[in-house]
Every structure is written in C-alpha cells, then in structure tokens.
Amino acid sequence: MSIFEKAIRQKVRFNFKGLISCEDLWDLPLGTLDEIYGYLRSSQKASTEDSLLKKETKEGRILDLKIDLVKHVVATKLQEEAIDAALNAISRADKPG
C-alpha cells in the first residue's frame, strides 16, 4: 500500500493555518513544506522516549506517515524543478541566437 493510500484511508490532515489534506501539500511552496517538516520532526523528537520496551502507537505511526508524505512531495517537486531547468536550458540552446 502506498503512503498516499495509507494517508487517505486514515484521513491524515496537517495542522497548517487550519487543517489541510495531503493533496494540499502539492500547492505549497518548498519553504513552507520545509517548515511543516521541521515542525513534524520536532514533534516526533518530543514524543520519542528512549526505551527498549516502548510500544509503537497509532499517533507515532501517523506522525511518521506525515513526515514521509512531506519528504516525498518535496523530493518530487525538486525533481520537477530540475527537469524544468534542464528543458529550459535545452530550449535556449536550440534557439538561434
């Protein structure tokens, strides 16, 4: 099951100027996504206890899923930017100047 299917089935929402859905992440700029990622990571660190006996919780799994979703969206957006830059460079090189 993909991370997006898991998120949809669990109705994952992000606290950012109210509640936003997974699909809303695609509309956010990279800087904002980085802020959300930082908040999620600090929440993860705050909730993580050093213990060999601590059991995984549903909240912890959802937090991990949210982090994975944001990381995926950022990685995809960076790839798309690199592809666009390469295509623009090719287009400029092809134009007689």
PDB file of N, CA and C in Angstrom:
ATOM      1  N   MET A   1       0.857  -1.167   0.000  1.00  0.00           N
ATOM      2  CA  MET A   1       0.000   0.000   0.000  1.00  0.00           C
ATOM      3  C   MET A   1       0.914   1.244   0.000  1.00  0.00           C
ATOM      4  N   SER A   2       0.624   2.187  -0.868  1.00  0.00           N
ATOM      5  CA  SER A   2       1.439   3.397  -0.970  1.00  0.00           C
ATOM      6  C   SER A   2       1.195   4.317   0.225  1.00  0.00           C
ATOM      7  N   ILE A   3       2.121   5.251   0.429  1.00  0.00           N
ATOM      8  CA  ILE A   3       1.945   6.183   1.540  1.00  0.00           C
ATOM      9  C   ILE A   3       0.705   7.048   1.349  1.00  0.00           C
ATOM     10  N   PHE A   4       0.375   7.337   0.092  1.00  0.00           N
ATOM     11  CA  PHE A   4      -0.806   8.159  -0.159  1.00  0.00           C
ATOM     12  C   PHE A   4      -2.086   7.391   0.112  1.00  0.00           C
ATOM     13  N   GLU A   5      -2.099   6.112  -0.223  1.00  0.00           N
ATOM     14  CA  GLU A   5      -3.274   5.299   0.086  1.00  0.00           C
ATOM     15  C   GLU A   5      -3.450   5.187   1.597  1.00  0.00           C
ATOM     16  N   LYS A   6      -2.350   4.976   2.317  1.00  0.00           N
ATOM     17  CA  LYS A   6      -2.429   4.926   3.782  1.00  0.00           C
ATOM     18  C   LYS A   6      -2.977   6.234   4.335  1.00  0.00           C
ATOM     19  N   ALA A   7      -2.473   7.341   3.818  1.00  0.00           N
ATOM     20  CA  ALA A   7      -2.895   8.659   4.310  1.00  0.00           C
ATOM     21  C   ALA A   7      -4.371   8.902   4.046  1.00  0.00           C
ATOM     22  N   ILE A   8      -4.828   8.529   2.878  1.00  0.00           N
ATOM     23  CA  ILE A   8      -6.234   8.732   2.532  1.00  0.00           C
ATOM     24  C   ILE A   8      -7.129   7.861   3.407  1.00  0.00           C
ATOM     25  N   ARG A   9      -6.730   6.621   3.580  1.00  0.00           N
ATOM     26  CA  ARG A   9      -7.547   5.713   4.379  1.00  0.00           C
ATOM     27  C   ARG A   9      -7.617   6.134   5.839  1.00  0.00           C
ATOM     28  N   GLN A  10      -6.539   6.773   6.319  1.00  0.00           N
ATOM     29  CA  GLN A  10      -6.514   7.214   7.715  1.00  0.00           C
ATOM     30  C   GLN A  10      -6.951   8.666   7.864  1.00  0.00           C
ATOM     31  N   LYS A  11      -7.348   9.265   6.754  1.00  0.00           N
ATOM     32  CA  LYS A  11      -7.823  10.657   6.743  1.00  0.00           C
ATOM     33  C   LYS A  11      -6.818  11.606   7.412  1.00  0.00           C
ATOM     34  N   VAL A  12      -5.555  11.480   6.994  1.00  0.00           N
ATOM     35  CA  VAL A  12      -4.481  12.280   7.563  1.00  0.00           C
ATOM     36  C   VAL A  12      -4.667  13.745   7.196  1.00  0.00           C
ATOM     37  N   ARG A  13      -4.526  14.606   8.181  1.00  0.00           N
ATOM     38  CA  ARG A  13      -4.594  16.050   7.995  1.00  0.00           C
ATOM     39  C   ARG A  13      -3.382  16.682   8.662  1.00  0.00           C
ATOM     40  N   PHE A  14      -2.984  17.830   8.158  1.00  0.00           N
ATOM     41  CA  PHE A  14      -1.844  18.564   8.690  1.00  0.00           C
ATOM     42  C   PHE A  14      -2.334  19.859   9.305  1.00  0.00           C
ATOM     43  N   ASN A  15      -1.764  20.215  10.453  1.00  0.00           N
ATOM     44  CA  ASN A  15      -2.086  21.493  11.083  1.00  0.00           C
ATOM     45  C   ASN A  15      -1.221  22.569  10.446  1.00  0.00           C
ATOM     46  N   PHE A  16      -1.805  23.344   9.562  1.00  0.00           N
ATOM     47  CA  PHE A  16      -1.110  24.451   8.916  1.00  0.00           C
ATOM     48  C   PHE A  16      -2.170  25.463   8.516  1.00  0.00           C
ATOM     49  N   LYS A  17      -2.233  26.542   9.247  1.00  0.00           N
ATOM     50  CA  LYS A  17      -3.271  27.555   9.001  1.00  0.00           C
ATOM     51  C   LYS A  17      -4.636  26.883   8.943  1.00  0.00           C
ATOM     52  N   GLY A  18      -4.921  26.095   9.947  1.00  0.00           N
ATOM     53  CA  GLY A  18      -6.110  25.257   9.961  1.00  0.00           C
ATOM     54  C   GLY A  18      -5.683  23.849   9.587  1.00  0.00           C
ATOM     55  N   LEU A  19      -6.605  23.067   9.139  1.00  0.00           N
ATOM     56  CA  LEU A  19      -6.277  21.710   8.713  1.00  0.00           C
ATOM     57  C   LEU A  19      -6.198  21.649   7.199  1.00  0.00           C
ATOM     58  N   ILE A  20      -5.137  21.009   6.706  1.00  0.00           N
ATOM     59  CA  ILE A  20      -5.019  20.808   5.262  1.00  0.00           C
ATOM     60  C   ILE A  20      -4.865  19.314   5.000  1.00  0.00           C
ATOM     61  N   SER A  21      -5.243  18.902   3.802  1.00  0.00           N
ATOM     62  CA  SER A  21      -5.174  17.497   3.425  1.00  0.00           C
ATOM     63  C   SER A  21      -3.859  17.202   2.705  1.00  0.00           C
ATOM     64  N   CYS A  22      -3.643  15.949   2.417  1.00  0.00           N
ATOM     65  CA  CYS A  22      -2.423  15.525   1.717  1.00  0.00           C
ATOM     66  C   CYS A  22      -2.300  16.200   0.354  1.00  0.00           C
ATOM     67  N   GLU A  23      -3.399  16.299  -0.359  1.00  0.00           N
ATOM     68  CA  GLU A  23      -3.332  16.893  -1.694  1.00  0.00           C
ATOM     69  C   GLU A  23      -3.006  18.378  -1.641  1.00  0.00           C
ATOM     70  N   ASP A  24      -3.305  19.027  -0.523  1.00  0.00           N
ATOM     71  CA  ASP A  24      -2.960  20.444  -0.371  1.00  0.00           C
ATOM     72  C   ASP A  24      -1.453  20.658  -0.298  1.00  0.00           C
ATOM     73  N   LEU A  25      -0.710  19.638   0.100  1.00  0.00           N
ATOM     74  CA  LEU A  25       0.749  19.764   0.186  1.00  0.00           C
ATOM     75  C   LEU A  25       1.355  20.144  -1.160  1.00  0.00           C
ATOM     76  N   TRP A  26       0.761  19.656  -2.238  1.00  0.00           N
ATOM     77  CA  TRP A  26       1.302  19.916  -3.577  1.00  0.00           C
ATOM     78  C   TRP A  26       1.212  21.389  -3.965  1.00  0.00           C
ATOM     79  N   ASP A  27       0.328  22.136  -3.339  1.00  0.00           N
ATOM     80  CA  ASP A  27       0.147  23.547  -3.668  1.00  0.00           C
ATOM     81  C   ASP A  27       1.058  24.470  -2.859  1.00  0.00           C
ATOM     82  N   LEU A  28       1.763  23.922  -1.874  1.00  0.00           N
ATOM     83  CA  LEU A  28       2.594  24.742  -1.003  1.00  0.00           C
ATOM     84  C   LEU A  28       4.002  24.909  -1.576  1.00  0.00           C
ATOM     85  N   PRO A  29       4.610  26.072  -1.345  1.00  0.00           N
ATOM     86  CA  PRO A  29       5.995  26.258  -1.792  1.00  0.00           C
ATOM     87  C   PRO A  29       6.951  25.424  -0.940  1.00  0.00           C
ATOM     88  N   LEU A  30       8.150  25.191  -1.477  1.00  0.00           N
ATOM     89  CA  LEU A  30       9.126  24.351  -0.799  1.00  0.00           C
ATOM     90  C   LEU A  30       9.473  24.870   0.594  1.00  0.00           C
ATOM     91  N   GLY A  31       9.580  26.170   0.763  1.00  0.00           N
ATOM     92  CA  GLY A  31       9.901  26.737   2.067  1.00  0.00           C
ATOM     93  C   GLY A  31       8.856  26.402   3.117  1.00  0.00           C
ATOM     94  N   THR A  32       7.607  26.459   2.728  1.00  0.00           N
ATOM     95  CA  THR A  32       6.516  26.127   3.646  1.00  0.00           C
ATOM     96  C   THR A  32       6.531  24.643   3.977  1.00  0.00           C
ATOM     97  N   LEU A  33       6.794  23.820   2.975  1.00  0.00           N
ATOM     98  CA  LEU A  33       6.889  22.382   3.221  1.00  0.00           C
ATOM     99  C   LEU A  33       8.030  22.079   4.190  1.00  0.00           C
ATOM    100  N   ASP A  34       9.121  22.815   4.056  1.00  0.00           N
ATOM    101  CA  ASP A  34      10.256  22.625   4.949  1.00  0.00           C
ATOM    102  C   ASP A  34       9.879  23.015   6.381  1.00  0.00           C
ATOM    103  N   GLU A  35       9.096  24.070   6.532  1.00  0.00           N
ATOM    104  CA  GLU A  35       8.621  24.473   7.865  1.00  0.00           C
ATOM    105  C   GLU A  35       7.743  23.376   8.474  1.00  0.00           C
ATOM    106  N   ILE A  36       6.847  22.828   7.678  1.00  0.00           N
ATOM    107  CA  ILE A  36       5.965  21.758   8.159  1.00  0.00           C
ATOM    108  C   ILE A  36       6.802  20.550   8.562  1.00  0.00           C
ATOM    109  N   TYR A  37       7.792  20.219   7.738  1.00  0.00           N
ATOM    110  CA  TYR A  37       8.671  19.090   8.044  1.00  0.00           C
ATOM    111  C   TYR A  37       9.394  19.326   9.377  1.00  0.00           C
ATOM    112  N   GLY A  38       9.912  20.526   9.578  1.00  0.00           N
ATOM    113  CA  GLY A  38      10.597  20.847  10.821  1.00  0.00           C
ATOM    114  C   GLY A  38       9.696  20.701  12.031  1.00  0.00           C
ATOM    115  N   TYR A  39       8.464  21.171  11.896  1.00  0.00           N
ATOM    116  CA  TYR A  39       7.501  21.044  12.983  1.00  0.00           C
ATOM    117  C   TYR A  39       7.206  19.570  13.281  1.00  0.00           C
ATOM    118  N   LEU A  40       7.017  18.783  12.226  1.00  0.00           N
ATOM    119  CA  LEU A  40       6.726  17.363  12.411  1.00  0.00           C
ATOM    120  C   LEU A  40       7.895  16.645  13.074  1.00  0.00           C
ATOM    121  N   ARG A  41       9.116  16.952  12.635  1.00  0.00           N
ATOM    122  CA  ARG A  41      10.306  16.311  13.213  1.00  0.00           C
ATOM    123  C   ARG A  41      10.466  16.694  14.686  1.00  0.00           C
ATOM    124  N   SER A  42      10.215  17.958  15.017  1.00  0.00           N
ATOM    125  CA  SER A  42      10.335  18.344  16.427  1.00  0.00           C
ATOM    126  C   SER A  42       9.255  17.654  17.263  1.00  0.00           C
ATOM    127  N   SER A  43       8.072  17.488  16.703  1.00  0.00           N
ATOM    128  CA  SER A  43       7.009  16.754  17.395  1.00  0.00           C
ATOM    129  C   SER A  43       7.409  15.298  17.587  1.00  0.00           C
ATOM    130  N   GLN A  44       8.049  14.736  16.570  1.00  0.00           N
ATOM    131  CA  GLN A  44       8.486  13.346  16.638  1.00  0.00           C
ATOM    132  C   GLN A  44       9.552  13.173  17.726  1.00  0.00           C
ATOM    133  N   LYS A  45      10.497  14.093  17.757  1.00  0.00           N
ATOM    134  CA  LYS A  45      11.559  14.011  18.771  1.00  0.00           C
ATOM    135  C   LYS A  45      10.992  14.184  20.171  1.00  0.00           C
ATOM    136  N   ALA A  46      10.040  15.085  20.317  1.00  0.00           N
ATOM    137  CA  ALA A  46       9.438  15.340  21.625  1.00  0.00           C
ATOM    138  C   ALA A  46       8.643  14.134  22.128  1.00  0.00           C
ATOM    139  N   SER A  47       8.065  13.385  21.216  1.00  0.00           N
ATOM    140  CA  SER A  47       7.231  12.256  21.622  1.00  0.00           C
ATOM    141  C   SER A  47       8.017  10.953  21.728  1.00  0.00           C
ATOM    142  N   THR A  48       9.276  10.980  21.272  1.00  0.00           N
ATOM    143  CA  THR A  48      10.084   9.763  21.290  1.00  0.00           C
ATOM    144  C   THR A  48      10.801   9.653  22.619  1.00  0.00           C
ATOM    145  N   GLU A  49      10.616   8.531  23.227  1.00  0.00           N
ATOM    146  CA  GLU A  49      11.228   8.238  24.503  1.00  0.00           C
ATOM    147  C   GLU A  49      12.269   7.153  24.278  1.00  0.00           C
ATOM    148  N   ASP A  50      13.430   7.301  24.893  1.00  0.00           N
ATOM    149  CA  ASP A  50      14.430   6.245  24.784  1.00  0.00           C
ATOM    150  C   ASP A  50      14.038   5.092  25.696  1.00  0.00           C
ATOM    151  N   SER A  51      13.546   4.042  25.082  1.00  0.00           N
ATOM    152  CA  SER A  51      13.130   2.879  25.845  1.00  0.00           C
ATOM    153  C   SER A  51      13.127   1.668  24.932  1.00  0.00           C
ATOM    154  N   LEU A  52      13.582   0.575  25.445  1.00  0.00           N
ATOM    155  CA  LEU A  52      13.537  -0.674  24.682  1.00  0.00           C
ATOM    156  C   LEU A  52      12.169  -1.327  24.758  1.00  0.00           C
ATOM    157  N   LEU A  53      11.367  -0.889  25.710  1.00  0.00           N
ATOM    158  CA  LEU A  53      10.076  -1.524  25.940  1.00  0.00           C
ATOM    159  C   LEU A  53       8.894  -0.728  25.412  1.00  0.00           C
ATOM    160  N   LYS A  54       9.154   0.457  24.919  1.00  0.00           N
ATOM    161  CA  LYS A  54       8.058   1.301  24.445  1.00  0.00           C
ATOM    162  C   LYS A  54       7.434   0.705  23.180  1.00  0.00           C
ATOM    163  N   LYS A  55       6.138   0.606  23.190  1.00  0.00           N
ATOM    164  CA  LYS A  55       5.425   0.075  22.036  1.00  0.00           C
ATOM    165  C   LYS A  55       5.068   1.199  21.077  1.00  0.00           C
ATOM    166  N   GLU A  56       5.016   0.863  19.821  1.00  0.00           N
ATOM    167  CA  GLU A  56       4.638   1.835  18.789  1.00  0.00           C
ATOM    168  C   GLU A  56       3.164   2.187  18.955  1.00  0.00           C
ATOM    169  N   THR A  57       2.869   3.486  18.829  1.00  0.00           N
ATOM    170  CA  THR A  57       1.485   3.936  18.977  1.00  0.00           C
ATOM    171  C   THR A  57       0.920   4.345  17.621  1.00  0.00           C
ATOM    172  N   LYS A  58      -0.386   4.434  17.563  1.00  0.00           N
ATOM    173  CA  LYS A  58      -1.049   4.877  16.340  1.00  0.00           C
ATOM    174  C   LYS A  58      -0.629   6.303  16.003  1.00  0.00           C
ATOM    175  N   GLU A  59      -0.540   7.157  17.025  1.00  0.00           N
ATOM    176  CA  GLU A  59      -0.132   8.544  16.801  1.00  0.00           C
ATOM    177  C   GLU A  59       1.279   8.621  16.238  1.00  0.00           C
ATOM    178  N   GLY A  60       2.153   7.769  16.742  1.00  0.00           N
ATOM    179  CA  GLY A  60       3.528   7.731  16.244  1.00  0.00           C
ATOM    180  C   GLY A  60       3.593   7.280  14.795  1.00  0.00           C
ATOM    181  N   ARG A  61       2.781   6.292  14.453  1.00  0.00           N
ATOM    182  CA  ARG A  61       2.755   5.807  13.060  1.00  0.00           C
ATOM    183  C   ARG A  61       2.219   6.890  12.121  1.00  0.00           C
ATOM    184  N   ILE A  62       1.202   7.625  12.569  1.00  0.00           N
ATOM    185  CA  ILE A  62       0.641   8.691  11.741  1.00  0.00           C
ATOM    186  C   ILE A  62       1.651   9.824  11.578  1.00  0.00           C
ATOM    187  N   LEU A  63       2.364  10.142  12.640  1.00  0.00           N
ATOM    188  CA  LEU A  63       3.394  11.176  12.556  1.00  0.00           C
ATOM    189  C   LEU A  63       4.490  10.763  11.572  1.00  0.00           C
ATOM    190  N   ASP A  64       4.916   9.508  11.633  1.00  0.00           N
ATOM    191  CA  ASP A  64       5.913   9.003  10.682  1.00  0.00           C
ATOM    192  C   ASP A  64       5.385   9.083   9.251  1.00  0.00           C
ATOM    193  N   LEU A  65       4.123   8.756   9.071  1.00  0.00           N
ATOM    194  CA  LEU A  65       3.499   8.819   7.752  1.00  0.00           C
ATOM    195  C   LEU A  65       3.468  10.251   7.232  1.00  0.00           C
ATOM    196  N   LYS A  66       3.133  11.197   8.099  1.00  0.00           N
ATOM    197  CA  LYS A  66       3.113  12.608   7.696  1.00  0.00           C
ATOM    198  C   LYS A  66       4.499  13.067   7.253  1.00  0.00           C
ATOM    199  N   ILE A  67       5.513  12.660   7.997  1.00  0.00           N
ATOM    200  CA  ILE A  67       6.886  13.027   7.641  1.00  0.00           C
ATOM    201  C   ILE A  67       7.249  12.440   6.281  1.00  0.00           C
ATOM    202  N   ASP A  68       6.911  11.175   6.064  1.00  0.00           N
ATOM    203  CA  ASP A  68       7.197  10.536   4.772  1.00  0.00           C
ATOM    204  C   ASP A  68       6.465  11.234   3.626  1.00  0.00           C
ATOM    205  N   LEU A  69       5.239  11.658   3.863  1.00  0.00           N
ATOM    206  CA  LEU A  69       4.468  12.353   2.829  1.00  0.00           C
ATOM    207  C   LEU A  69       5.132  13.674   2.447  1.00  0.00           C
ATOM    208  N   VAL A  70       5.513  14.462   3.453  1.00  0.00           N
ATOM    209  CA  VAL A  70       6.148  15.757   3.173  1.00  0.00           C
ATOM    210  C   VAL A  70       7.475  15.545   2.452  1.00  0.00           C
ATOM    211  N   LYS A  71       8.260  14.561   2.897  1.00  0.00           N
ATOM    212  CA  LYS A  71       9.543  14.283   2.236  1.00  0.00           C
ATOM    213  C   LYS A  71       9.325  13.884   0.772  1.00  0.00           C
ATOM    214  N   HIS A  72       8.308  13.087   0.508  1.00  0.00           N
ATOM    215  CA  HIS A  72       8.026  12.660  -0.859  1.00  0.00           C
ATOM    216  C   HIS A  72       7.618  13.841  -1.740  1.00  0.00           C
ATOM    217  N   VAL A  73       6.756  14.688  -1.222  1.00  0.00           N
ATOM    218  CA  VAL A  73       6.298  15.841  -2.005  1.00  0.00           C
ATOM    219  C   VAL A  73       7.476  16.765  -2.310  1.00  0.00           C
ATOM    220  N   VAL A  74       8.331  17.018  -1.322  1.00  0.00           N
ATOM    221  CA  VAL A  74       9.496  17.884  -1.540  1.00  0.00           C
ATOM    222  C   VAL A  74      10.429  17.261  -2.573  1.00  0.00           C
ATOM    223  N   ALA A  75      10.723  15.978  -2.445  1.00  0.00           N
ATOM    224  CA  ALA A  75      11.618  15.307  -3.399  1.00  0.00           C
ATOM    225  C   ALA A  75      11.049  15.371  -4.815  1.00  0.00           C
ATOM    226  N   THR A  76       9.767  15.154  -4.947  1.00  0.00           N
ATOM    227  CA  THR A  76       9.130  15.193  -6.268  1.00  0.00           C
ATOM    228  C   THR A  76       9.180  16.596  -6.853  1.00  0.00           C
ATOM    229  N   LYS A  77       8.894  17.605  -6.033  1.00  0.00           N
ATOM    230  CA  LYS A  77       8.935  18.993  -6.512  1.00  0.00           C
ATOM    231  C   LYS A  77      10.350  19.380  -6.936  1.00  0.00           C
ATOM    232  N   LEU A  78      11.360  18.938  -6.184  1.00  0.00           N
ATOM    233  CA  LEU A  78      12.751  19.234  -6.555  1.00  0.00           C
ATOM    234  C   LEU A  78      13.119  18.560  -7.873  1.00  0.00           C
ATOM    235  N   GLN A  79      12.680  17.329  -8.080  1.00  0.00           N
ATOM    236  CA  GLN A  79      12.912  16.631  -9.341  1.00  0.00           C
ATOM    237  C   GLN A  79      12.247  17.378 -10.498  1.00  0.00           C
ATOM    238  N   GLU A  80      11.026  17.807 -10.288  1.00  0.00           N
ATOM    239  CA  GLU A  80      10.304  18.532 -11.336  1.00  0.00           C
ATOM    240  C   GLU A  80      11.007  19.848 -11.671  1.00  0.00           C
ATOM    241  N   GLU A  81      11.517  20.535 -10.653  1.00  0.00           N
ATOM    242  CA  GLU A  81      12.248  21.780 -10.904  1.00  0.00           C
ATOM    243  C   GLU A  81      13.511  21.513 -11.713  1.00  0.00           C
ATOM    244  N   ALA A  82      14.211  20.428 -11.386  1.00  0.00           N
ATOM    245  CA  ALA A  82      15.436  20.085 -12.119  1.00  0.00           C
ATOM    246  C   ALA A  82      15.116  19.738 -13.571  1.00  0.00           C
ATOM    247  N   ILE A  83      14.036  19.027 -13.783  1.00  0.00           N
ATOM    248  CA  ILE A  83      13.634  18.670 -15.154  1.00  0.00           C
ATOM    249  C   ILE A  83      13.249  19.921 -15.927  1.00  0.00           C
ATOM    250  N   ASP A  84      12.485  20.805 -15.306  1.00  0.00           N
ATOM    251  CA  ASP A  84      12.093  22.058 -15.964  1.00  0.00           C
ATOM    252  C   ASP A  84      13.317  22.893 -16.319  1.00  0.00           C
ATOM    253  N   ALA A  85      14.284  22.962 -15.412  1.00  0.00           N
ATOM    254  CA  ALA A  85      15.504  23.730 -15.676  1.00  0.00           C
ATOM    255  C   ALA A  85      16.280  23.131 -16.837  1.00  0.00           C
ATOM    256  N   ALA A  86      16.360  21.818 -16.883  1.00  0.00           N
ATOM    257  CA  ALA A  86      17.070  21.149 -17.976  1.00  0.00           C
ATOM    258  C   ALA A  86      16.359  21.383 -19.305  1.00  0.00           C
ATOM    259  N   LEU A  87      15.045  21.291 -19.296  1.00  0.00           N
ATOM    260  CA  LEU A  87      14.285  21.521 -20.535  1.00  0.00           C
ATOM    261  C   LEU A  87      14.420  22.968 -20.997  1.00  0.00           C
ATOM    262  N   ASN A  88      14.426  23.900 -20.063  1.00  0.00           N
ATOM    263  CA  ASN A  88      14.617  25.309 -20.431  1.00  0.00           C
ATOM    264  C   ASN A  88      16.008  25.538 -21.011  1.00  0.00           C
ATOM    265  N   ALA A  89      17.001  24.887 -20.447  1.00  0.00           N
ATOM    266  CA  ALA A  89      18.368  25.030 -20.971  1.00  0.00           C
ATOM    267  C   ALA A  89      18.466  24.465 -22.372  1.00  0.00           C
ATOM    268  N   ILE A  90      17.819  23.349 -22.610  1.00  0.00           N
ATOM    269  CA  ILE A  90      17.818  22.754 -23.950  1.00  0.00           C
ATOM    270  C   ILE A  90      17.096  23.653 -24.926  1.00  0.00           C
ATOM    271  N   SER A  91      15.969  24.213 -24.499  1.00  0.00           N
ATOM    272  CA  SER A  91      15.198  25.105 -25.337  1.00  0.00           C
ATOM    273  C   SER A  91      15.994  26.354 -25.713  1.00  0.00           C
ATOM    274  N   ARG A  92      16.698  26.909 -24.732  1.00  0.00           N
ATOM    275  CA  ARG A  92      17.534  28.090 -25.006  1.00  0.00           C
ATOM    276  C   ARG A  92      18.686  27.749 -25.951  1.00  0.00           C
ATOM    277  N   ALA A  93      19.243  26.556 -25.795  1.00  0.00           N
ATOM    278  CA  ALA A  93      20.372  26.153 -26.645  1.00  0.00           C
ATOM    279  C   ALA A  93      19.922  25.919 -28.087  1.00  0.00           C
ATOM    280  N   ASP A  94      18.680  25.502 -28.259  1.00  0.00           N
ATOM    281  CA  ASP A  94      18.157  25.222 -29.590  1.00  0.00           C
ATOM    282  C   ASP A  94      17.776  26.468 -30.369  1.00  0.00           C
ATOM    283  N   LYS A  95      17.557  27.586 -29.657  1.00  0.00           N
ATOM    284  CA  LYS A  95      17.150  28.813 -30.328  1.00  0.00           C
ATOM    285  C   LYS A  95      18.354  29.443 -31.004  1.00  0.00           C
ATOM    286  N   PRO A  96      18.182  29.829 -32.271  1.00  0.00           N
ATOM    287  CA  PRO A  96      19.285  30.520 -32.936  1.00  0.00           C
ATOM    288  C   PRO A  96      19.467  31.892 -32.291  1.00  0.00           C
ATOM    289  N   GLY A  97      20.694  32.248 -32.073  1.00  0.00           N
ATOM    290  CA  GLY A  97      20.861  33.437 -31.338  1.00  0.00           C
ATOM    291  C   GLY A  97      21.548  34.550 -31.875  1.00  0.00           C
TER     292      GLY A  97
END
